[in-house]
Amino acid sequence: EEENLRANEERRKMLADAPRLIIGTWRNQKGILEFRAGGTMQLTLEDQGTTITGTWSIVGDLLTVTETGRVTRGRRERALPDPNLSRIIRIDAATYEMEDVSHGSGVVFKASRIK
């Protein structure tokens, strides 16, 4: 019982720090993500030559990213209309782990901080 309480308290503290911890530049399986203070973000999909801009917010254990723009190989494309939701599994100053819950895929993204 005490161990569960301690684990729950550690998770609560981690999630309370998540909006501060996520600000920075990260590399995950898809490419390079930059989360900026003020709630804007940019994702560069290196293999596709695509840059996605958008907004982000964290409420509880959910990170919501909404696209506002998309450019592939210099060509402007339509931004995806639906927000992308990820459940925060773990985040600290150096790494994060999140599960995609938007599309029911259950894909887990792991990232390392670049700066």
PDB file of N, CA and C in Angstrom:
ATOM      1  N   GLU A   1       0.832  -1.201   0.000  1.00  0.00           N
ATOM      2  CA  GLU A   1       0.000   0.000   0.000  1.00  0.00           C
ATOM      3  C   GLU A   1       0.873   1.260   0.000  1.00  0.00           C
ATOM      4  N   GLU A   2       1.861   1.301   0.891  1.00  0.00           N
ATOM      5  CA  GLU A   2       2.738   2.472   0.977  1.00  0.00           C
ATOM      6  C   GLU A   2       3.548   2.652  -0.309  1.00  0.00           C
ATOM      7  N   GLU A   3       3.969   1.537  -0.903  1.00  0.00           N
ATOM      8  CA  GLU A   3       4.718   1.600  -2.152  1.00  0.00           C
ATOM      9  C   GLU A   3       3.862   2.195  -3.274  1.00  0.00           C
ATOM     10  N   ASN A   4       2.579   1.805  -3.337  1.00  0.00           N
ATOM     11  CA  ASN A   4       1.663   2.364  -4.336  1.00  0.00           C
ATOM     12  C   ASN A   4       1.453   3.855  -4.114  1.00  0.00           C
ATOM     13  N   LEU A   5       1.309   4.266  -2.866  1.00  0.00           N
ATOM     14  CA  LEU A   5       1.144   5.690  -2.553  1.00  0.00           C
ATOM     15  C   LEU A   5       2.364   6.481  -2.995  1.00  0.00           C
ATOM     16  N   ARG A   6       3.556   5.929  -2.733  1.00  0.00           N
ATOM     17  CA  ARG A   6       4.798   6.603  -3.118  1.00  0.00           C
ATOM     18  C   ARG A   6       4.891   6.699  -4.647  1.00  0.00           C
ATOM     19  N   ALA A   7       4.553   5.627  -5.351  1.00  0.00           N
ATOM     20  CA  ALA A   7       4.596   5.626  -6.819  1.00  0.00           C
ATOM     21  C   ALA A   7       3.594   6.633  -7.380  1.00  0.00           C
ATOM     22  N   ASN A   8       2.403   6.695  -6.806  1.00  0.00           N
ATOM     23  CA  ASN A   8       1.395   7.652  -7.257  1.00  0.00           C
ATOM     24  C   ASN A   8       1.853   9.083  -7.026  1.00  0.00           C
ATOM     25  N   GLU A   9       2.500   9.347  -5.900  1.00  0.00           N
ATOM     26  CA  GLU A   9       2.999  10.688  -5.598  1.00  0.00           C
ATOM     27  C   GLU A   9       4.124  11.073  -6.561  1.00  0.00           C
ATOM     28  N   GLU A  10       5.015  10.134  -6.881  1.00  0.00           N
ATOM     29  CA  GLU A  10       6.092  10.408  -7.840  1.00  0.00           C
ATOM     30  C   GLU A  10       5.519  10.704  -9.227  1.00  0.00           C
ATOM     31  N   ARG A  11       4.495   9.958  -9.636  1.00  0.00           N
ATOM     32  CA  ARG A  11       3.865  10.196 -10.945  1.00  0.00           C
ATOM     33  C   ARG A  11       3.179  11.556 -10.954  1.00  0.00           C
ATOM     34  N   ARG A  12       2.494  11.903  -9.871  1.00  0.00           N
ATOM     35  CA  ARG A  12       1.832  13.199  -9.780  1.00  0.00           C
ATOM     36  C   ARG A  12       2.842  14.335  -9.923  1.00  0.00           C
ATOM     37  N   LYS A  13       3.983  14.218  -9.248  1.00  0.00           N
ATOM     38  CA  LYS A  13       5.029  15.241  -9.330  1.00  0.00           C
ATOM     39  C   LYS A  13       5.597  15.328 -10.748  1.00  0.00           C
ATOM     40  N   MET A  14       5.831  14.163 -11.382  1.00  0.00           N
ATOM     41  CA  MET A  14       6.359  14.141 -12.741  1.00  0.00           C
ATOM     42  C   MET A  14       5.393  14.851 -13.691  1.00  0.00           C
ATOM     43  N   LEU A  15       4.103  14.545 -13.572  1.00  0.00           N
ATOM     44  CA  LEU A  15       3.123  15.162 -14.463  1.00  0.00           C
ATOM     45  C   LEU A  15       2.985  16.656 -14.193  1.00  0.00           C
ATOM     46  N   ALA A  16       3.125  17.068 -12.947  1.00  0.00           N
ATOM     47  CA  ALA A  16       3.074  18.497 -12.629  1.00  0.00           C
ATOM     48  C   ALA A  16       4.247  19.229 -13.272  1.00  0.00           C
ATOM     49  N   ASP A  17       5.398  18.565 -13.392  1.00  0.00           N
ATOM     50  CA  ASP A  17       6.590  19.160 -14.010  1.00  0.00           C
ATOM     51  C   ASP A  17       6.613  19.024 -15.532  1.00  0.00           C
ATOM     52  N   ALA A  18       5.755  18.188 -16.108  1.00  0.00           N
ATOM     53  CA  ALA A  18       5.798  17.878 -17.541  1.00  0.00           C
ATOM     54  C   ALA A  18       5.757  19.118 -18.439  1.00  0.00           C
ATOM     55  N   PRO A  19       4.884  20.113 -18.191  1.00  0.00           N
ATOM     56  CA  PRO A  19       4.878  21.282 -19.085  1.00  0.00           C
ATOM     57  C   PRO A  19       6.209  22.043 -19.097  1.00  0.00           C
ATOM     58  N   ARG A  20       6.923  22.040 -17.996  1.00  0.00           N
ATOM     59  CA  ARG A  20       8.238  22.696 -17.939  1.00  0.00           C
ATOM     60  C   ARG A  20       9.298  21.799 -18.575  1.00  0.00           C
ATOM     61  N   LEU A  21       9.239  20.501 -18.293  1.00  0.00           N
ATOM     62  CA  LEU A  21      10.246  19.567 -18.786  1.00  0.00           C
ATOM     63  C   LEU A  21      10.213  19.391 -20.302  1.00  0.00           C
ATOM     64  N   ILE A  22       9.036  19.504 -20.905  1.00  0.00           N
ATOM     65  CA  ILE A  22       8.934  19.211 -22.341  1.00  0.00           C
ATOM     66  C   ILE A  22       9.525  20.315 -23.213  1.00  0.00           C
ATOM     67  N   ILE A  23       9.650  21.518 -22.666  1.00  0.00           N
ATOM     68  CA  ILE A  23      10.192  22.622 -23.462  1.00  0.00           C
ATOM     69  C   ILE A  23      11.642  22.313 -23.818  1.00  0.00           C
ATOM     70  N   GLY A  24      11.934  22.329 -25.119  1.00  0.00           N
ATOM     71  CA  GLY A  24      13.274  22.024 -25.601  1.00  0.00           C
ATOM     72  C   GLY A  24      13.204  21.285 -26.927  1.00  0.00           C
ATOM     73  N   THR A  25      14.331  20.742 -27.342  1.00  0.00           N
ATOM     74  CA  THR A  25      14.433  20.029 -28.624  1.00  0.00           C
ATOM     75  C   THR A  25      14.730  18.560 -28.350  1.00  0.00           C
ATOM     76  N   TRP A  26      13.964  17.693 -29.003  1.00  0.00           N
ATOM     77  CA  TRP A  26      14.009  16.247 -28.778  1.00  0.00           C
ATOM     78  C   TRP A  26      14.157  15.501 -30.098  1.00  0.00           C
ATOM     79  N   ARG A  27      14.733  14.288 -30.027  1.00  0.00           N
ATOM     80  CA  ARG A  27      14.775  13.385 -31.183  1.00  0.00           C
ATOM     81  C   ARG A  27      14.025  12.112 -30.785  1.00  0.00           C
ATOM     82  N   ASN A  28      13.044  11.727 -31.643  1.00  0.00           N
ATOM     83  CA  ASN A  28      12.370  10.444 -31.445  1.00  0.00           C
ATOM     84  C   ASN A  28      12.388   9.670 -32.758  1.00  0.00           C
ATOM     85  N   GLN A  29      11.607   8.573 -32.830  1.00  0.00           N
ATOM     86  CA  GLN A  29      11.606   7.713 -34.007  1.00  0.00           C
ATOM     87  C   GLN A  29      11.175   8.453 -35.277  1.00  0.00           C
ATOM     88  N   LYS A  30      10.371   9.500 -35.147  1.00  0.00           N
ATOM     89  CA  LYS A  30       9.847  10.211 -36.317  1.00  0.00           C
ATOM     90  C   LYS A  30      10.780  11.311 -36.804  1.00  0.00           C
ATOM     91  N   GLY A  31      11.519  11.920 -35.895  1.00  0.00           N
ATOM     92  CA  GLY A  31      12.369  13.033 -36.305  1.00  0.00           C
ATOM     93  C   GLY A  31      12.739  13.918 -35.133  1.00  0.00           C
ATOM     94  N   ILE A  32      12.782  15.215 -35.383  1.00  0.00           N
ATOM     95  CA  ILE A  32      13.197  16.182 -34.372  1.00  0.00           C
ATOM     96  C   ILE A  32      12.003  17.048 -34.004  1.00  0.00           C
ATOM     97  N   LEU A  33      11.704  17.121 -32.712  1.00  0.00           N
ATOM     98  CA  LEU A  33      10.603  17.932 -32.206  1.00  0.00           C
ATOM     99  C   LEU A  33      11.155  19.066 -31.372  1.00  0.00           C
ATOM    100  N   GLU A  34      10.577  20.232 -31.569  1.00  0.00           N
ATOM    101  CA  GLU A  34      10.924  21.370 -30.714  1.00  0.00           C
ATOM    102  C   GLU A  34       9.637  21.878 -30.079  1.00  0.00           C
ATOM    103  N   PHE A  35       9.574  21.780 -28.743  1.00  0.00           N
ATOM    104  CA  PHE A  35       8.451  22.319 -27.978  1.00  0.00           C
ATOM    105  C   PHE A  35       8.921  23.637 -27.375  1.00  0.00           C
ATOM    106  N   ARG A  36       8.190  24.720 -27.679  1.00  0.00           N
ATOM    107  CA  ARG A  36       8.591  26.046 -27.218  1.00  0.00           C
ATOM    108  C   ARG A  36       7.672  26.527 -26.099  1.00  0.00           C
ATOM    109  N   ALA A  37       8.238  27.366 -25.217  1.00  0.00           N
ATOM    110  CA  ALA A  37       7.420  28.027 -24.205  1.00  0.00           C
ATOM    111  C   ALA A  37       6.358  28.830 -24.942  1.00  0.00           C
ATOM    112  N   GLY A  38       5.203  28.918 -24.384  1.00  0.00           N
ATOM    113  CA  GLY A  38       4.127  29.637 -25.060  1.00  0.00           C
ATOM    114  C   GLY A  38       3.219  28.718 -25.852  1.00  0.00           C
ATOM    115  N   GLY A  39       3.599  27.419 -25.946  1.00  0.00           N
ATOM    116  CA  GLY A  39       2.697  26.440 -26.546  1.00  0.00           C
ATOM    117  C   GLY A  39       2.794  26.244 -28.046  1.00  0.00           C
ATOM    118  N   THR A  40       3.919  26.624 -28.672  1.00  0.00           N
ATOM    119  CA  THR A  40       4.084  26.308 -30.091  1.00  0.00           C
ATOM    120  C   THR A  40       5.101  25.186 -30.244  1.00  0.00           C
ATOM    121  N   MET A  41       5.047  24.506 -31.386  1.00  0.00           N
ATOM    122  CA  MET A  41       5.970  23.395 -31.625  1.00  0.00           C
ATOM    123  C   MET A  41       6.288  23.269 -33.091  1.00  0.00           C
ATOM    124  N   GLN A  42       7.372  22.527 -33.367  1.00  0.00           N
ATOM    125  CA  GLN A  42       7.754  22.192 -34.740  1.00  0.00           C
ATOM    126  C   GLN A  42       8.287  20.772 -34.747  1.00  0.00           C
ATOM    127  N   LEU A  43       7.843  19.986 -35.712  1.00  0.00           N
ATOM    128  CA  LEU A  43       8.306  18.612 -35.911  1.00  0.00           C
ATOM    129  C   LEU A  43       8.902  18.522 -37.306  1.00  0.00           C
ATOM    130  N   THR A  44      10.132  18.043 -37.396  1.00  0.00           N
ATOM    131  CA  THR A  44      10.784  17.832 -38.685  1.00  0.00           C
ATOM    132  C   THR A  44      10.904  16.333 -38.919  1.00  0.00           C
ATOM    133  N   LEU A  45      10.184  15.841 -39.933  1.00  0.00           N
ATOM    134  CA  LEU A  45      10.247  14.427 -40.312  1.00  0.00           C
ATOM    135  C   LEU A  45      11.357  14.309 -41.337  1.00  0.00           C
ATOM    136  N   GLU A  46      12.536  13.951 -40.868  1.00  0.00           N
ATOM    137  CA  GLU A  46      13.725  13.990 -41.712  1.00  0.00           C
ATOM    138  C   GLU A  46      13.624  13.107 -42.941  1.00  0.00           C
ATOM    139  N   ASP A  47      13.062  11.911 -42.806  1.00  0.00           N
ATOM    140  CA  ASP A  47      13.008  10.978 -43.936  1.00  0.00           C
ATOM    141  C   ASP A  47      12.021  11.417 -45.009  1.00  0.00           C
ATOM    142  N   GLN A  48      11.039  12.251 -44.651  1.00  0.00           N
ATOM    143  CA  GLN A  48      10.031  12.686 -45.616  1.00  0.00           C
ATOM    144  C   GLN A  48      10.269  14.115 -46.109  1.00  0.00           C
ATOM    145  N   GLY A  49      11.200  14.825 -45.481  1.00  0.00           N
ATOM    146  CA  GLY A  49      11.425  16.214 -45.851  1.00  0.00           C
ATOM    147  C   GLY A  49      10.254  17.101 -45.477  1.00  0.00           C
ATOM    148  N   THR A  50       9.551  16.746 -44.402  1.00  0.00           N
ATOM    149  CA  THR A  50       8.353  17.471 -43.981  1.00  0.00           C
ATOM    150  C   THR A  50       8.612  18.211 -42.682  1.00  0.00           C
ATOM    151  N   THR A  51       8.121  19.445 -42.615  1.00  0.00           N
ATOM    152  CA  THR A  51       8.151  20.226 -41.384  1.00  0.00           C
ATOM    153  C   THR A  51       6.711  20.539 -41.002  1.00  0.00           C
ATOM    154  N   ILE A  52       6.360  20.213 -39.773  1.00  0.00           N
ATOM    155  CA  ILE A  52       5.014  20.447 -39.258  1.00  0.00           C
ATOM    156  C   ILE A  52       5.120  21.465 -38.137  1.00  0.00           C
ATOM    157  N   THR A  53       4.271  22.488 -38.179  1.00  0.00           N
ATOM    158  CA  THR A  53       4.198  23.456 -37.087  1.00  0.00           C
ATOM    159  C   THR A  53       2.849  23.296 -36.407  1.00  0.00           C
ATOM    160  N   GLY A  54       2.786  23.732 -35.150  1.00  0.00           N
ATOM    161  CA  GLY A  54       1.525  23.596 -34.444  1.00  0.00           C
ATOM    162  C   GLY A  54       1.584  24.145 -33.042  1.00  0.00           C
ATOM    163  N   THR A  55       0.589  23.749 -32.267  1.00  0.00           N
ATOM    164  CA  THR A  55       0.499  24.152 -30.872  1.00  0.00           C
ATOM    165  C   THR A  55       0.478  22.903 -30.005  1.00  0.00           C
ATOM    166  N   TRP A  56       0.853  23.064 -28.746  1.00  0.00           N
ATOM    167  CA  TRP A  56       0.831  21.940 -27.820  1.00  0.00           C
ATOM    168  C   TRP A  56       0.291  22.397 -26.470  1.00  0.00           C
ATOM    169  N   SER A  57      -0.268  21.438 -25.733  1.00  0.00           N
ATOM    170  CA  SER A  57      -0.682  21.681 -24.349  1.00  0.00           C
ATOM    171  C   SER A  57      -0.663  20.354 -23.610  1.00  0.00           C
ATOM    172  N   ILE A  58      -0.489  20.440 -22.306  1.00  0.00           N
ATOM    173  CA  ILE A  58      -0.533  19.250 -21.457  1.00  0.00           C
ATOM    174  C   ILE A  58      -1.591  19.473 -20.390  1.00  0.00           C
ATOM    175  N   VAL A  59      -2.518  18.510 -20.284  1.00  0.00           N
ATOM    176  CA  VAL A  59      -3.524  18.506 -19.229  1.00  0.00           C
ATOM    177  C   VAL A  59      -3.492  17.106 -18.625  1.00  0.00           C
ATOM    178  N   GLY A  60      -3.195  17.042 -17.337  1.00  0.00           N
ATOM    179  CA  GLY A  60      -3.073  15.737 -16.691  1.00  0.00           C
ATOM    180  C   GLY A  60      -1.937  14.960 -17.324  1.00  0.00           C
ATOM    181  N   ASP A  61      -2.242  13.754 -17.828  1.00  0.00           N
ATOM    182  CA  ASP A  61      -1.193  12.941 -18.466  1.00  0.00           C
ATOM    183  C   ASP A  61      -1.307  12.946 -19.985  1.00  0.00           C
ATOM    184  N   LEU A  62      -2.085  13.899 -20.549  1.00  0.00           N
ATOM    185  CA  LEU A  62      -2.250  13.952 -22.001  1.00  0.00           C
ATOM    186  C   LEU A  62      -1.558  15.162 -22.617  1.00  0.00           C
ATOM    187  N   LEU A  63      -0.738  14.881 -23.626  1.00  0.00           N
ATOM    188  CA  LEU A  63      -0.131  15.912 -24.467  1.00  0.00           C
ATOM    189  C   LEU A  63      -0.988  16.005 -25.727  1.00  0.00           C
ATOM    190  N   THR A  64      -1.488  17.203 -26.018  1.00  0.00           N
ATOM    191  CA  THR A  64      -2.267  17.441 -27.227  1.00  0.00           C
ATOM    192  C   THR A  64      -1.447  18.309 -28.169  1.00  0.00           C
ATOM    193  N   VAL A  65      -1.268  17.840 -29.405  1.00  0.00           N
ATOM    194  CA  VAL A  65      -0.564  18.599 -30.441  1.00  0.00           C
ATOM    195  C   VAL A  65      -1.558  18.825 -31.580  1.00  0.00           C
ATOM    196  N   THR A  66      -1.707  20.082 -31.987  1.00  0.00           N
ATOM    197  CA  THR A  66      -2.598  20.441 -33.084  1.00  0.00           C
ATOM    198  C   THR A  66      -1.769  21.100 -34.182  1.00  0.00           C
ATOM    199  N   GLU A  67      -1.824  20.529 -35.373  1.00  0.00           N
ATOM    200  CA  GLU A  67      -1.077  21.090 -36.506  1.00  0.00           C
ATOM    201  C   GLU A  67      -1.678  22.411 -36.946  1.00  0.00           C
ATOM    202  N   THR A  68      -0.802  23.369 -37.289  1.00  0.00           N
ATOM    203  CA  THR A  68      -1.256  24.625 -37.884  1.00  0.00           C
ATOM    204  C   THR A  68      -0.670  24.811 -39.277  1.00  0.00           C
ATOM    205  N   GLY A  69       0.353  24.039 -39.611  1.00  0.00           N
ATOM    206  CA  GLY A  69       0.963  24.133 -40.932  1.00  0.00           C
ATOM    207  C   GLY A  69       1.803  22.909 -41.244  1.00  0.00           C
ATOM    208  N   ARG A  70       2.001  22.678 -42.550  1.00  0.00           N
ATOM    209  CA  ARG A  70       2.784  21.513 -43.000  1.00  0.00           C
ATOM    210  C   ARG A  70       3.412  21.861 -44.338  1.00  0.00           C
ATOM    211  N   VAL A  71       4.727  21.634 -44.447  1.00  0.00           N
ATOM    212  CA  VAL A  71       5.452  21.875 -45.691  1.00  0.00           C
ATOM    213  C   VAL A  71       6.289  20.632 -45.987  1.00  0.00           C
ATOM    214  N   THR A  72       6.134  20.088 -47.200  1.00  0.00           N
ATOM    215  CA  THR A  72       6.926  18.937 -47.630  1.00  0.00           C
ATOM    216  C   THR A  72       7.730  19.315 -48.858  1.00  0.00           C
ATOM    217  N   ARG A  73       9.050  19.186 -48.713  1.00  0.00           N
ATOM    218  CA  ARG A  73       9.976  19.506 -49.816  1.00  0.00           C
ATOM    219  C   ARG A  73       9.631  20.840 -50.477  1.00  0.00           C
ATOM    220  N   GLY A  74       9.399  21.865 -49.632  1.00  0.00           N
ATOM    221  CA  GLY A  74       9.138  23.204 -50.123  1.00  0.00           C
ATOM    222  C   GLY A  74       7.706  23.471 -50.574  1.00  0.00           C
ATOM    223  N   ARG A  75       6.852  22.458 -50.543  1.00  0.00           N
ATOM    224  CA  ARG A  75       5.453  22.597 -50.973  1.00  0.00           C
ATOM    225  C   ARG A  75       4.519  22.632 -49.763  1.00  0.00           C
ATOM    226  N   ARG A  76       3.706  23.682 -49.684  1.00  0.00           N
ATOM    227  CA  ARG A  76       2.747  23.806 -48.591  1.00  0.00           C
ATOM    228  C   ARG A  76       1.636  22.767 -48.757  1.00  0.00           C
ATOM    229  N   GLU A  77       1.282  22.096 -47.655  1.00  0.00           N
ATOM    230  CA  GLU A  77       0.205  21.108 -47.669  1.00  0.00           C
ATOM    231  C   GLU A  77      -0.806  21.464 -46.604  1.00  0.00           C
ATOM    232  N   ARG A  78      -1.954  20.812 -46.663  1.00  0.00           N
ATOM    233  CA  ARG A  78      -2.983  21.040 -45.653  1.00  0.00           C
ATOM    234  C   ARG A  78      -2.574  20.403 -44.333  1.00  0.00           C
ATOM    235  N   ALA A  79      -2.748  21.139 -43.253  1.00  0.00           N
ATOM    236  CA  ALA A  79      -2.485  20.591 -41.927  1.00  0.00           C
ATOM    237  C   ALA A  79      -3.558  19.562 -41.591  1.00  0.00           C
ATOM    238  N   LEU A  80      -3.175  18.532 -40.843  1.00  0.00           N
ATOM    239  CA  LEU A  80      -4.159  17.537 -40.411  1.00  0.00           C
ATOM    240  C   LEU A  80      -5.131  18.214 -39.444  1.00  0.00           C
ATOM    241  N   PRO A  81      -6.438  17.986 -39.628  1.00  0.00           N
ATOM    242  CA  PRO A  81      -7.422  18.721 -38.836  1.00  0.00           C
ATOM    243  C   PRO A  81      -7.566  18.248 -37.388  1.00  0.00           C
ATOM    244  N   ASP A  82      -7.324  16.970 -37.130  1.00  0.00           N
ATOM    245  CA  ASP A  82      -7.571  16.426 -35.788  1.00  0.00           C
ATOM    246  C   ASP A  82      -6.323  16.516 -34.916  1.00  0.00           C
ATOM    247  N   PRO A  83      -6.499  16.899 -33.649  1.00  0.00           N
ATOM    248  CA  PRO A  83      -5.344  16.930 -32.749  1.00  0.00           C
ATOM    249  C   PRO A  83      -4.790  15.524 -32.516  1.00  0.00           C
ATOM    250  N   ASN A  84      -3.511  15.463 -32.220  1.00  0.00           N
ATOM    251  CA  ASN A  84      -2.849  14.212 -31.892  1.00  0.00           C
ATOM    252  C   ASN A  84      -2.709  14.149 -30.374  1.00  0.00           C
ATOM    253  N   LEU A  85      -3.185  13.075 -29.755  1.00  0.00           N
ATOM    254  CA  LEU A  85      -3.119  12.913 -28.305  1.00  0.00           C
ATOM    255  C   LEU A  85      -2.124  11.824 -27.941  1.00  0.00           C
ATOM    256  N   SER A  86      -1.266  12.138 -26.973  1.00  0.00           N
ATOM    257  CA  SER A  86      -0.296  11.166 -26.471  1.00  0.00           C
ATOM    258  C   SER A  86      -0.384  11.126 -24.954  1.00  0.00           C
ATOM    259  N   ARG A  87      -0.373   9.909 -24.407  1.00  0.00           N
ATOM    260  CA  ARG A  87      -0.366   9.744 -22.955  1.00  0.00           C
ATOM    261  C   ARG A  87       1.084   9.721 -22.484  1.00  0.00           C
ATOM    262  N   ILE A  88       1.399  10.567 -21.519  1.00  0.00           N
ATOM    263  CA  ILE A  88       2.755  10.637 -20.988  1.00  0.00           C
ATOM    264  C   ILE A  88       2.981   9.438 -20.070  1.00  0.00           C
ATOM    265  N   ILE A  89       3.928   8.606 -20.446  1.00  0.00           N
ATOM    266  CA  ILE A  89       4.298   7.459 -19.610  1.00  0.00           C
ATOM    267  C   ILE A  89       5.379   7.893 -18.626  1.00  0.00           C
ATOM    268  N   ARG A  90       6.389   8.599 -19.159  1.00  0.00           N
ATOM    269  CA  ARG A  90       7.517   9.044 -18.345  1.00  0.00           C
ATOM    270  C   ARG A  90       8.163  10.235 -19.015  1.00  0.00           C
ATOM    271  N   ILE A  91       8.568  11.222 -18.214  1.00  0.00           N
ATOM    272  CA  ILE A  91       9.325  12.352 -18.736  1.00  0.00           C
ATOM    273  C   ILE A  91      10.263  12.847 -17.651  1.00  0.00           C
ATOM    274  N   ASP A  92      11.503  13.148 -18.059  1.00  0.00           N
ATOM    275  CA  ASP A  92      12.459  13.788 -17.157  1.00  0.00           C
ATOM    276  C   ASP A  92      13.272  14.768 -17.985  1.00  0.00           C
ATOM    277  N   ALA A  93      14.340  15.291 -17.443  1.00  0.00           N
ATOM    278  CA  ALA A  93      15.111  16.320 -18.144  1.00  0.00           C
ATOM    279  C   ALA A  93      15.821  15.791 -19.387  1.00  0.00           C
ATOM    280  N   ALA A  94      16.030  14.469 -19.486  1.00  0.00           N
ATOM    281  CA  ALA A  94      16.817  13.914 -20.593  1.00  0.00           C
ATOM    282  C   ALA A  94      16.021  13.069 -21.584  1.00  0.00           C
ATOM    283  N   THR A  95      14.932  12.442 -21.143  1.00  0.00           N
ATOM    284  CA  THR A  95      14.189  11.527 -22.005  1.00  0.00           C
ATOM    285  C   THR A  95      12.689  11.623 -21.735  1.00  0.00           C
ATOM    286  N   TYR A  96      11.912  11.156 -22.718  1.00  0.00           N
ATOM    287  CA  TYR A  96      10.484  10.950 -22.459  1.00  0.00           C
ATOM    288  C   TYR A  96      10.010   9.714 -23.188  1.00  0.00           C
ATOM    289  N   GLU A  97       8.871   9.219 -22.732  1.00  0.00           N
ATOM    290  CA  GLU A  97       8.210   8.069 -23.325  1.00  0.00           C
ATOM    291  C   GLU A  97       6.719   8.390 -23.325  1.00  0.00           C
ATOM    292  N   MET A  98       6.086   8.322 -24.515  1.00  0.00           N
ATOM    293  CA  MET A  98       4.672   8.642 -24.638  1.00  0.00           C
ATOM    294  C   MET A  98       3.996   7.636 -25.555  1.00  0.00           C
ATOM    295  N   GLU A  99       2.721   7.369 -25.262  1.00  0.00           N
ATOM    296  CA  GLU A  99       1.943   6.432 -26.065  1.00  0.00           C
ATOM    297  C   GLU A  99       0.916   7.195 -26.891  1.00  0.00           C
ATOM    298  N   ASP A 100       0.889   6.932 -28.204  1.00  0.00           N
ATOM    299  CA  ASP A 100      -0.110   7.549 -29.085  1.00  0.00           C
ATOM    300  C   ASP A 100      -1.477   6.955 -28.750  1.00  0.00           C
ATOM    301  N   VAL A 101      -2.406   7.806 -28.330  1.00  0.00           N
ATOM    302  CA  VAL A 101      -3.758   7.337 -28.019  1.00  0.00           C
ATOM    303  C   VAL A 101      -4.788   7.902 -28.991  1.00  0.00           C
ATOM    304  N   SER A 102      -4.342   8.682 -29.978  1.00  0.00           N
ATOM    305  CA  SER A 102      -5.260   9.304 -30.943  1.00  0.00           C
ATOM    306  C   SER A 102      -5.892   8.301 -31.880  1.00  0.00           C
ATOM    307  N   HIS A 103      -5.094   7.393 -32.359  1.00  0.00           N
ATOM    308  CA  HIS A 103      -5.537   6.514 -33.435  1.00  0.00           C
ATOM    309  C   HIS A 103      -5.659   5.064 -32.996  1.00  0.00           C
ATOM    310  N   GLY A 104      -5.580   4.829 -31.693  1.00  0.00           N
ATOM    311  CA  GLY A 104      -5.701   3.471 -31.185  1.00  0.00           C
ATOM    312  C   GLY A 104      -4.534   2.582 -31.539  1.00  0.00           C
ATOM    313  N   SER A 105      -3.436   3.193 -32.005  1.00  0.00           N
ATOM    314  CA  SER A 105      -2.295   2.384 -32.445  1.00  0.00           C
ATOM    315  C   SER A 105      -1.491   1.853 -31.264  1.00  0.00           C
ATOM    316  N   GLY A 106      -1.480   2.605 -30.158  1.00  0.00           N
ATOM    317  CA  GLY A 106      -0.692   2.189 -29.002  1.00  0.00           C
ATOM    318  C   GLY A 106       0.804   2.303 -29.214  1.00  0.00           C
ATOM    319  N   VAL A 107       1.229   2.976 -30.298  1.00  0.00           N
ATOM    320  CA  VAL A 107       2.663   3.139 -30.567  1.00  0.00           C
ATOM    321  C   VAL A 107       3.278   3.979 -29.459  1.00  0.00           C
ATOM    322  N   VAL A 108       4.415   3.516 -28.949  1.00  0.00           N
ATOM    323  CA  VAL A 108       5.129   4.253 -27.908  1.00  0.00           C
ATOM    324  C   VAL A 108       6.307   4.968 -28.544  1.00  0.00           C
ATOM    325  N   PHE A 109       6.365   6.276 -28.309  1.00  0.00           N
ATOM    326  CA  PHE A 109       7.454   7.094 -28.806  1.00  0.00           C
ATOM    327  C   PHE A 109       8.428   7.384 -27.666  1.00  0.00           C
ATOM    328  N   LYS A 110       9.696   7.113 -27.911  1.00  0.00           N
ATOM    329  CA  LYS A 110      10.753   7.404 -26.943  1.00  0.00           C
ATOM    330  C   LYS A 110      11.632   8.477 -27.538  1.00  0.00           C
ATOM    331  N   ALA A 111      11.986   9.464 -26.719  1.00  0.00           N
ATOM    332  CA  ALA A 111      12.795  10.582 -27.230  1.00  0.00           C
ATOM    333  C   ALA A 111      13.903  10.915 -26.265  1.00  0.00           C
ATOM    334  N   SER A 112      14.950  11.474 -26.830  1.00  0.00           N
ATOM    335  CA  SER A 112      16.082  11.984 -26.050  1.00  0.00           C
ATOM    336  C   SER A 112      16.231  13.473 -26.330  1.00  0.00           C
ATOM    337  N   ARG A 113      16.528  14.217 -25.281  1.00  0.00           N
ATOM    338  CA  ARG A 113      16.708  15.663 -25.421  1.00  0.00           C
ATOM    339  C   ARG A 113      17.983  15.960 -26.198  1.00  0.00           C
ATOM    340  N   ILE A 114      17.885  16.854 -27.174  1.00  0.00           N
ATOM    341  CA  ILE A 114      19.059  17.333 -27.912  1.00  0.00           C
ATOM    342  C   ILE A 114      19.573  18.603 -27.251  1.00  0.00           C
ATOM    343  N   LYS A 115      18.632  19.498 -26.921  1.00  0.00           N
ATOM    344  CA  LYS A 115      18.982  20.713 -26.177  1.00  0.00           C
ATOM    345  C   LYS A 115      17.770  21.274 -25.490  1.00  0.00           C
TER     346      LYS A 115
END
